[in-house]
Protein backbone atom coordinates (compact mmCIF):
# COMPACT_ATOMS: atom_id res chain seq x y z
CA MET A 1 0.08 -0.46 54.11
CA LYS A 2 2.41 -2.63 52.13
CA ILE A 3 2.02 -2.16 48.31
CA ASP A 4 2.90 -5.01 45.97
CA LYS A 5 5.70 -3.53 43.74
CA PHE A 6 4.92 -5.89 40.92
CA ALA A 7 1.27 -4.82 40.81
CA VAL A 8 2.35 -1.10 40.72
CA THR A 9 4.74 -1.87 37.87
CA VAL A 10 1.99 -3.55 35.85
CA LEU A 11 -0.37 -0.68 36.41
CA LEU A 12 2.21 1.87 35.35
CA LEU A 13 3.02 -0.09 32.17
CA MET A 14 -0.67 -0.31 31.19
CA PHE A 15 -0.98 3.44 31.37
CA LEU A 16 2.22 4.07 29.49
CA VAL A 17 1.66 1.71 26.59
CA PRO A 18 -0.49 3.29 23.85
CA GLY A 19 -3.95 1.82 23.47
CA SER A 20 -3.90 -0.04 26.70
CA ALA A 21 -5.98 2.24 28.89
CA LEU A 22 -8.14 0.36 31.31
CA GLY A 23 -11.49 -0.24 29.67
CA ASP A 24 -11.44 3.06 27.71
CA GLY A 25 -10.19 1.83 24.37
CA VAL A 26 -12.37 0.91 21.44
CA ASP A 27 -12.31 -2.77 20.34
CA MET A 28 -10.89 -2.18 16.88
CA TYR A 29 -11.10 -5.92 16.02
CA GLN A 30 -14.81 -5.93 16.70
CA LEU A 31 -15.34 -2.87 14.57
CA GLY A 32 -13.80 -4.62 11.62
CA ALA A 33 -15.70 -7.77 12.43
CA ASP A 34 -19.04 -5.84 12.53
CA ALA A 35 -18.29 -4.28 9.15
CA THR A 36 -17.42 -7.69 7.63
CA ASP A 37 -20.40 -9.47 9.13
CA TYR A 38 -22.70 -6.77 7.69
CA ALA A 39 -21.10 -7.16 4.23
CA MET A 40 -21.36 -10.89 4.30
CA THR A 41 -25.04 -10.75 5.17
CA GLU A 42 -25.97 -7.98 2.75
CA LEU A 43 -23.88 -9.34 -0.22
CA GLY A 44 -24.57 -13.00 0.51
CA PHE A 45 -21.06 -14.38 0.34
CA GLU A 46 -19.06 -16.88 2.41
CA LYS A 47 -15.57 -16.70 3.73
CA GLY A 48 -12.86 -17.18 1.07
CA ASP A 49 -15.01 -16.13 -1.95
CA ALA A 50 -12.41 -14.97 -4.47
CA ASN A 51 -15.09 -12.99 -6.37
CA VAL A 52 -15.47 -10.59 -3.46
CA LEU A 53 -13.18 -7.66 -3.01
CA ALA A 54 -12.60 -6.06 0.34
CA ILE A 55 -11.42 -2.41 0.22
CA THR A 56 -10.60 -0.40 3.31
CA ASN A 57 -8.18 2.14 4.75
CA ALA A 58 -8.01 0.18 8.05
CA GLY A 59 -4.57 0.28 9.57
CA TYR A 60 -3.96 3.93 8.63
CA PRO A 61 -6.52 6.05 10.58
CA VAL A 62 -5.78 6.62 14.27
CA ILE A 63 -8.77 7.15 16.48
CA ASP A 64 -8.33 8.69 19.95
CA GLY A 65 -4.71 7.53 20.07
CA GLN A 66 -5.57 3.99 18.90
CA THR A 67 -4.38 2.47 15.69
CA THR A 68 -6.84 0.64 13.49
CA ASP A 69 -4.68 -2.37 12.39
CA MET A 70 -6.85 -4.84 14.32
CA SER A 71 -9.79 -3.85 12.13
CA LEU A 72 -7.88 -4.93 9.11
CA ASP A 73 -7.00 -8.24 10.80
CA ALA A 74 -10.74 -8.80 11.33
CA VAL A 75 -11.59 -8.07 7.72
CA THR A 76 -9.04 -10.64 6.44
CA GLU A 77 -9.70 -13.29 9.01
CA ILE A 78 -13.50 -13.23 8.79
CA SER A 79 -14.01 -12.54 5.03
CA GLY A 80 -11.04 -14.53 3.78
CA CYS A 81 -10.07 -11.61 1.48
CA THR A 82 -6.22 -11.40 1.37
CA PRO A 83 -3.39 -10.13 -0.85
CA GLY A 84 -2.65 -13.74 -1.75
CA LYS A 85 -6.13 -14.12 -3.21
CA GLU A 86 -5.64 -10.68 -4.83
CA ASN A 87 -8.93 -9.46 -3.44
CA LEU A 88 -7.87 -7.11 -0.65
CA VAL A 89 -7.10 -3.44 -1.46
CA ASN A 90 -5.81 -1.52 1.64
CA ILE A 91 -5.97 2.18 0.70
CA LEU A 92 -3.36 4.58 2.07
CA SER A 93 -4.84 7.19 4.26
CA ALA A 94 -3.70 10.04 6.57
CA PRO A 95 -4.09 9.09 10.23
CA TRP A 96 -6.76 11.78 10.79
CA LYS A 97 -9.08 10.55 8.00
CA PRO A 98 -12.22 8.58 8.81
CA LEU A 99 -12.05 4.82 9.00
CA TRP A 100 -14.10 3.09 6.28
CA PHE A 101 -14.81 -0.34 4.83
CA GLY A 102 -16.17 -1.45 1.52
CA PHE A 103 -16.95 -4.78 -0.05
CA PHE A 104 -17.91 -5.68 -3.74
CA ASN A 105 -19.35 -8.84 -4.98
CA LYS A 106 -18.26 -9.38 -8.65
CA ASN A 107 -20.93 -12.07 -9.10
CA THR A 108 -23.84 -9.78 -8.38
CA GLY A 109 -22.37 -6.31 -8.89
CA GLU A 110 -23.54 -5.31 -5.45
CA ALA A 111 -21.46 -3.38 -2.94
CA VAL A 112 -21.62 -2.08 0.62
CA TYR A 113 -19.84 0.96 2.10
CA MET A 114 -19.44 1.74 5.81
CA GLU A 115 -17.86 4.78 7.38
CA VAL A 116 -17.09 4.82 11.12
CA ASN A 117 -18.14 7.57 13.53
CA ALA A 118 -15.32 9.92 14.66
CA ASP A 119 -15.32 8.40 18.09
CA ALA A 120 -15.51 4.81 16.65
CA SER A 121 -18.85 4.25 18.45
CA GLY A 122 -20.38 2.65 15.40
CA PHE A 123 -21.10 3.49 11.74
CA LYS A 124 -22.35 6.87 10.65
CA ILE A 125 -22.79 5.47 7.08
CA GLN A 126 -24.00 2.03 6.00
CA ASP A 127 -24.98 1.92 2.38
CA LYS A 128 -25.68 -0.73 -0.23
CA ASP A 129 -26.03 -0.39 -4.04
CA LYS A 130 -25.45 -2.17 -7.34
CA ILE A 131 -22.33 -0.51 -8.80
CA ASP A 132 -20.98 -2.77 -11.48
CA ALA A 133 -19.95 -0.90 -14.63
CA GLU A 134 -22.63 -2.50 -16.88
CA THR A 135 -25.41 -1.39 -14.57
CA VAL A 136 -24.30 2.15 -13.75
CA LEU A 137 -23.28 3.03 -17.31
CA ALA A 138 -26.65 1.86 -18.55
CA ASN A 139 -28.32 4.32 -16.15
CA VAL A 140 -26.03 7.39 -16.42
CA ASP A 141 -28.98 9.77 -16.53
CA THR A 142 -30.53 8.58 -13.25
CA TRP A 143 -27.74 6.97 -11.23
CA GLU A 144 -25.36 8.95 -8.88
CA PRO A 145 -22.29 7.44 -7.17
CA GLY A 146 -23.09 9.02 -3.83
CA ASN A 147 -21.24 7.13 -1.09
CA PHE A 148 -19.67 4.87 -3.69
CA SER A 149 -17.81 7.54 -5.68
CA HIS A 150 -14.50 6.50 -4.25
CA MET A 151 -15.09 2.72 -4.62
CA LEU A 152 -16.74 2.76 -8.06
CA PRO A 153 -13.66 2.91 -10.38
CA ILE A 154 -11.48 0.77 -8.03
CA VAL A 155 -13.89 -2.20 -7.79
CA ASN A 156 -14.71 -2.24 -11.46
CA ILE A 157 -11.16 -2.06 -12.69
CA TRP A 158 -10.21 -4.80 -10.18
CA ALA A 159 -12.88 -6.93 -11.86
CA HIS A 160 -11.47 -6.26 -15.32
CA GLU A 161 -9.90 -9.42 -16.74
CA LYS A 162 -6.65 -7.72 -17.74
CA THR A 163 -5.93 -5.91 -14.47
CA PRO A 164 -2.81 -7.16 -12.66
CA TYR A 165 -2.72 -7.02 -8.89
CA SER A 166 0.45 -4.98 -9.08
CA PHE A 167 -1.72 -2.21 -10.57
CA MET A 168 -4.13 -2.49 -7.62
CA LYS A 169 -1.15 -2.03 -5.32
CA SER A 170 -0.43 1.24 -7.01
CA VAL A 171 -4.01 2.27 -6.41
CA GLN A 172 -3.46 1.58 -2.69
CA LEU A 173 -0.60 4.01 -2.69
CA HIS A 174 -2.41 6.64 -4.76
CA ASP A 175 -5.57 6.40 -2.57
CA HIS A 176 -7.93 6.39 -5.60
CA LEU A 177 -8.22 5.26 -9.20
CA CYS A 178 -8.29 7.63 -12.16
CA PRO A 179 -7.15 7.67 -15.80
CA GLY A 180 -3.94 9.31 -14.64
CA VAL A 181 -2.97 6.16 -12.67
CA SER A 182 -4.08 3.97 -15.54
CA SER A 183 -1.77 5.89 -17.91
CA GLY A 184 1.10 5.10 -15.61
CA PHE A 185 0.43 1.40 -16.03
CA LEU A 186 0.49 1.67 -19.86
CA LEU A 187 3.66 3.78 -19.85
CA GLY A 188 5.27 1.18 -17.59
CA GLU A 189 4.25 -1.70 -19.87
CA TYR A 190 5.56 0.20 -22.88
CA MET A 191 8.91 0.88 -21.27
CA GLU A 192 9.31 -2.74 -20.18
CA ASN A 193 8.67 -3.81 -23.83
CA GLU A 194 11.08 -1.27 -25.31
CA LEU A 195 13.87 -1.33 -22.72
CA PRO A 196 13.46 -4.53 -20.63
CA ILE A 197 15.54 -5.21 -17.60
CA GLU A 198 18.09 -7.81 -18.86
CA ASP A 199 20.53 -7.78 -15.92
CA PRO A 200 18.45 -7.62 -12.67
CA ALA A 201 21.60 -7.54 -10.52
CA ASN A 202 22.79 -4.26 -12.02
CA GLN A 203 19.96 -2.63 -14.00
CA SER A 204 17.07 -0.64 -12.70
CA TYR A 205 14.61 1.95 -13.95
CA LYS A 206 14.86 5.67 -13.13
CA VAL A 207 12.11 8.13 -13.73
CA ILE A 208 12.31 11.82 -14.18
CA ALA A 209 8.70 12.82 -13.80
CA CYS A 210 8.59 15.92 -15.86
CA PRO A 211 5.71 16.63 -15.86
CA ASN A 212 4.35 14.95 -12.83
CA TRP A 213 0.77 13.59 -12.57
CA CYS A 214 -0.97 10.56 -11.06
CA LYS A 215 1.02 8.16 -13.24
CA ASP A 216 4.08 8.48 -11.11
CA ASP A 217 2.72 6.57 -8.14
CA TYR A 218 2.45 3.47 -10.36
CA PHE A 219 6.26 3.40 -11.01
CA GLN A 220 7.06 3.51 -7.31
CA ILE A 221 5.08 0.31 -6.79
CA ALA A 222 5.85 -1.55 -10.06
CA TRP A 223 9.59 -0.80 -10.17
CA ASP A 224 10.47 0.08 -6.52
CA CYS A 225 11.29 3.44 -8.09
CA THR A 226 11.06 5.89 -5.17
CA PRO A 227 12.45 9.37 -4.54
CA GLY A 228 14.03 8.21 -1.34
CA LYS A 229 16.13 5.72 -3.21
CA SER A 230 16.97 8.12 -6.09
CA GLY A 231 14.73 6.19 -8.39
CA MET A 232 12.46 9.06 -9.16
CA PHE A 233 12.98 12.82 -9.53
CA VAL A 234 9.85 14.99 -9.81
CA LYS A 235 9.89 18.33 -11.78
CA TYR A 236 7.02 20.57 -12.52
CA LEU A 237 6.00 21.62 -16.02
CA THR A 238 4.06 24.82 -16.48
CA ALA A 239 0.73 24.99 -18.23
CA ASP A 240 2.29 26.98 -21.08
CA GLU A 241 5.07 24.42 -21.52
CA THR A 242 2.55 21.61 -21.50
CA SER A 243 0.45 23.41 -24.12
CA ILE A 244 3.50 24.07 -26.35
CA LEU A 245 4.68 20.50 -26.20
CA THR A 246 1.26 18.97 -26.78
CA ALA A 247 0.89 21.15 -29.87
CA LYS A 248 4.40 20.30 -30.97
CA TYR A 249 3.74 16.54 -30.76
CA ASN A 250 0.24 16.63 -32.47
CA GLY A 251 -1.86 16.18 -29.35
CA THR A 252 0.39 13.73 -27.55
CA ARG A 253 1.21 14.84 -24.05
CA VAL A 254 4.84 14.49 -22.91
CA ALA A 255 4.71 12.04 -20.03
CA GLY A 256 8.29 12.09 -18.66
CA ILE A 257 11.78 10.71 -18.98
CA PHE A 258 12.43 6.96 -18.42
CA ILE A 259 15.91 5.52 -18.08
CA ARG A 260 17.18 1.94 -17.86
CA TRP A 261 20.32 2.47 -15.74
CA ASP A 262 23.18 0.07 -15.45
CA SER A 263 25.12 0.53 -12.16
CA SER A 264 27.93 -1.73 -13.21
CA SER A 265 28.88 0.48 -16.21
CA ASN A 266 27.37 3.71 -14.95
CA SER A 267 25.58 4.17 -18.17
CA GLY A 268 22.01 4.06 -19.40
CA ASP A 269 19.47 4.12 -22.20
CA GLY A 270 16.48 6.32 -22.05
CA LEU A 271 13.17 7.29 -23.67
CA VAL A 272 11.10 10.45 -23.46
CA LEU A 273 7.55 9.06 -23.66
CA GLY A 274 4.30 10.64 -24.67
CA PHE A 275 0.75 9.73 -23.83
CA ASN A 276 -2.31 10.35 -26.00
CA PHE A 277 -5.12 11.28 -23.62
CA THR A 278 -7.12 12.83 -26.46
CA LYS A 279 -7.58 9.44 -28.09
CA ALA A 280 -8.59 7.85 -24.80
CA GLU A 281 -11.08 10.66 -24.09
CA ASN A 282 -12.68 10.40 -27.50
CA MET A 283 -13.06 6.68 -27.14
CA SER A 284 -14.75 7.26 -23.79
CA ASN A 285 -17.35 9.78 -25.18
CA ILE A 286 -16.14 12.26 -22.61
CA ASP A 287 -18.31 15.11 -23.97
CA THR A 288 -21.55 13.19 -23.66
CA LEU A 289 -21.31 11.63 -20.15
CA PRO A 290 -21.23 12.87 -16.55
CA SER A 291 -17.72 13.19 -15.18
CA TRP A 292 -17.85 10.01 -13.06
CA ALA A 293 -19.04 7.95 -16.02
CA ASN A 294 -16.47 9.23 -18.49
CA ARG A 295 -13.62 8.65 -16.07
CA LEU A 296 -14.82 5.06 -15.48
CA LYS A 297 -15.14 4.47 -19.21
CA GLU A 298 -11.70 5.93 -19.82
CA ASP A 299 -10.19 3.62 -17.17
CA PHE A 300 -11.77 0.70 -18.98
CA VAL A 301 -10.48 1.98 -22.35
CA LEU A 302 -6.96 2.12 -20.97
CA MET A 303 -7.03 -1.20 -19.20
CA ASP A 304 -8.37 -2.78 -22.39
CA ALA A 305 -4.98 -1.79 -23.93
CA ALA A 306 -2.90 -3.66 -21.30
CA ASP A 307 -1.45 -5.94 -23.92
CA SER A 308 -1.01 -3.06 -26.50
CA PRO A 309 0.23 0.06 -24.63
CA GLU A 310 1.46 1.50 -27.94
CA GLU A 311 -2.16 2.39 -28.69
CA PHE A 312 -1.73 5.33 -26.37
CA VAL A 313 2.04 5.54 -25.60
CA SER A 314 4.76 6.67 -28.06
CA THR A 315 8.42 7.46 -28.07
CA ILE A 316 9.15 11.16 -28.46
CA LYS A 317 12.99 10.84 -28.14
CA GLU A 318 15.55 8.12 -27.60
CA PHE A 319 18.84 8.92 -25.93
CA SER A 320 21.85 7.37 -24.16
CA LEU A 321 23.83 8.36 -21.09
CA ALA A 322 27.54 7.55 -21.15
CA ASN A 323 28.35 8.23 -17.49
CA ASN A 324 26.96 9.33 -14.15
CA ASN A 325 27.59 12.98 -14.86
CA GLU A 326 25.16 12.89 -17.81
CA LEU A 327 22.52 11.36 -15.50
CA ILE A 328 23.12 14.05 -12.88
CA ALA A 329 22.77 16.69 -15.59
CA LEU A 330 19.12 15.57 -15.95
CA GLN A 331 18.40 15.12 -12.26
CA GLY A 332 19.91 18.15 -10.68
CA ALA A 333 18.10 20.99 -9.03
CA GLY A 334 17.44 24.02 -11.26
CA VAL A 335 17.86 21.87 -14.39
CA HIS A 336 15.11 21.56 -17.04
CA PRO A 337 15.71 18.03 -18.25
CA LEU A 338 13.51 18.33 -21.34
CA LYS A 339 15.61 21.32 -22.43
CA VAL A 340 18.76 19.37 -21.76
CA LEU A 341 17.44 16.63 -24.11
CA GLY A 342 16.28 19.12 -26.74
CA VAL A 343 12.61 18.14 -26.40
CA ILE A 344 11.65 21.77 -25.66
CA SER A 345 13.63 24.89 -26.47
């Protein structure tokens, strides 16, 4: 029997190319479409509504060898939520994590959350609730976040009038929103006010994250300040050192070393900055609310200060670097940069 060589080649290619098995693959686009259709029905919005936020990790999970990027295409094409409208938040996720979708209607405060079965056969969770801050904070004794614990702070801070979309991009990288990420935003605003970039061709920010906490994911997005490009160096601070420093600076927590570096002159100006979490916590009534509520309130308190970061951020030390060797002296392995700068003995 004569076999058509072209047909054999096509069959081989179909088996070799990932995600192209004959009839066995899940329709990832339809999965995203089903999630979006459900949201549009339950939340009562039409395509292109700028007051609706789509939030999902679609594109990152891999299910049975198939990527989920087409699910994200469906969300944007059917709902009209896009980065350009600043109402799409695509959360970074490990490939083995469950695929999920969420939508929030700022007009009504209502939200839906859907989580996909492990085999992508449908949704194991489909939930709806009213999760706007005004509603949930008025009912802290009876309301529980449940399936919306991850979405709750993200959607409400997105709806805050002072929140820039660049901040939401850092939330995408960090995978969730907490006061630690919000502190990074205010530290960044303070640094840009004190040592602004005046020569974009030659100047850039460098961060020595000592100590490190959630804040540091903000700088990677806002300033393109990544470890891979030598824009950020991360160094651990012990609990004893943190305690000593916080006591030394009257309750202000040392937040790291921030440098405006000039590559043309190989010199820089820097600040050791501090952050006053105690003030933010006191303003949030942290001792009288459940943990989910005080974190949400604290995020609001911090975002309220978007135009006045000095409410929580302060300069602990100013310094200058005369050459590249002085920069390396702070960045090198085995070096304690806060000791080099005399911030801690």
